[in-house]
């Protein structure tokens, strides 16, 4: 047994990062993860989305700044 957030994090990682481990040419991994979560798990709170994004994002600096996207 584990939390629903962990289940969603694993699901997001599989769909977003598992098949595409390289940095996107445009945007950031963080942005791609957030977009996927919004599309597939809109019921999550902002705090839950932030925890999941932070947990699975391999770019520990959080990704590129908004001005760079």
Protein backbone atom coordinates (compact mmCIF):
# COMPACT_ATOMS: atom_id res chain seq x y z
CA UNK A 1 0.00 0.00 0.00
CA UNK A 2 1.18 3.52 -0.77
CA UNK A 3 -0.28 6.97 -1.17
CA UNK A 4 -2.32 8.01 -4.18
CA UNK A 5 0.22 10.80 -4.85
CA UNK A 6 3.00 8.23 -5.18
CA UNK A 7 0.85 6.19 -7.57
CA UNK A 8 0.18 9.30 -9.68
CA UNK A 9 3.89 10.24 -9.58
CA UNK A 10 4.84 6.81 -10.93
CA UNK A 11 2.14 7.06 -13.60
CA UNK A 12 3.33 10.54 -14.62
CA UNK A 13 6.96 9.43 -14.73
CA UNK A 14 6.07 6.48 -16.98
CA UNK A 15 4.08 8.64 -19.39
CA UNK A 16 6.27 11.73 -19.46
CA UNK A 17 9.85 10.72 -18.72
CA UNK A 18 10.35 6.97 -19.09
CA UNK A 19 10.29 6.96 -22.89
CA UNK A 20 11.90 10.38 -23.30
CA UNK A 21 14.77 10.91 -20.84
CA UNK A 22 16.28 13.84 -22.75
CA UNK A 23 15.58 17.50 -22.09
CA UNK A 24 12.95 18.94 -24.39
CA UNK A 25 14.12 21.33 -27.10
CA UNK A 26 11.48 23.84 -25.98
CA UNK A 27 10.21 24.37 -22.46
CA UNK A 28 11.21 22.25 -19.50
CA UNK A 29 10.57 18.82 -18.06
CA UNK A 30 8.82 20.56 -15.18
CA UNK A 31 6.41 22.20 -17.60
CA UNK A 32 5.72 18.92 -19.38
CA UNK A 33 5.07 17.15 -16.06
CA UNK A 34 2.75 19.93 -14.88
CA UNK A 35 0.84 19.86 -18.18
CA UNK A 36 0.38 16.09 -17.96
CA UNK A 37 -0.83 16.32 -14.36
CA UNK A 38 -3.31 19.07 -15.26
CA UNK A 39 -4.66 17.02 -18.18
CA UNK A 40 -4.88 13.68 -16.38
CA UNK A 41 -5.32 14.55 -12.70
CA UNK A 42 -7.02 17.93 -12.53
CA UNK A 43 -8.48 16.96 -9.15
CA UNK A 44 -5.08 17.37 -7.48
CA UNK A 45 -4.43 20.42 -5.37
CA UNK A 46 -1.68 22.81 -6.41
CA UNK A 47 0.42 21.60 -3.48
CA UNK A 48 0.02 17.96 -4.55
CA UNK A 49 1.01 18.80 -8.14
CA UNK A 50 4.07 20.64 -6.82
CA UNK A 51 5.13 17.69 -4.65
CA UNK A 52 4.76 15.23 -7.53
CA UNK A 53 6.56 17.49 -10.00
CA UNK A 54 9.43 18.02 -7.58
CA UNK A 55 9.68 14.30 -6.85
CA UNK A 56 9.94 13.10 -10.45
CA UNK A 57 11.68 16.04 -12.16
CA UNK A 58 15.31 15.01 -12.80
CA UNK A 59 16.26 18.69 -13.22
CA UNK A 60 16.81 19.55 -9.59
CA UNK A 61 17.00 23.27 -10.33
CA UNK A 62 13.33 23.07 -11.32
CA UNK A 63 13.77 23.68 -15.02
CA UNK A 64 14.25 26.79 -17.09
CA UNK A 65 12.85 30.10 -15.94
CA UNK A 66 9.55 31.31 -17.37
CA UNK A 67 11.36 34.01 -19.33
CA UNK A 68 13.41 31.35 -21.15
CA UNK A 69 10.42 29.32 -22.34
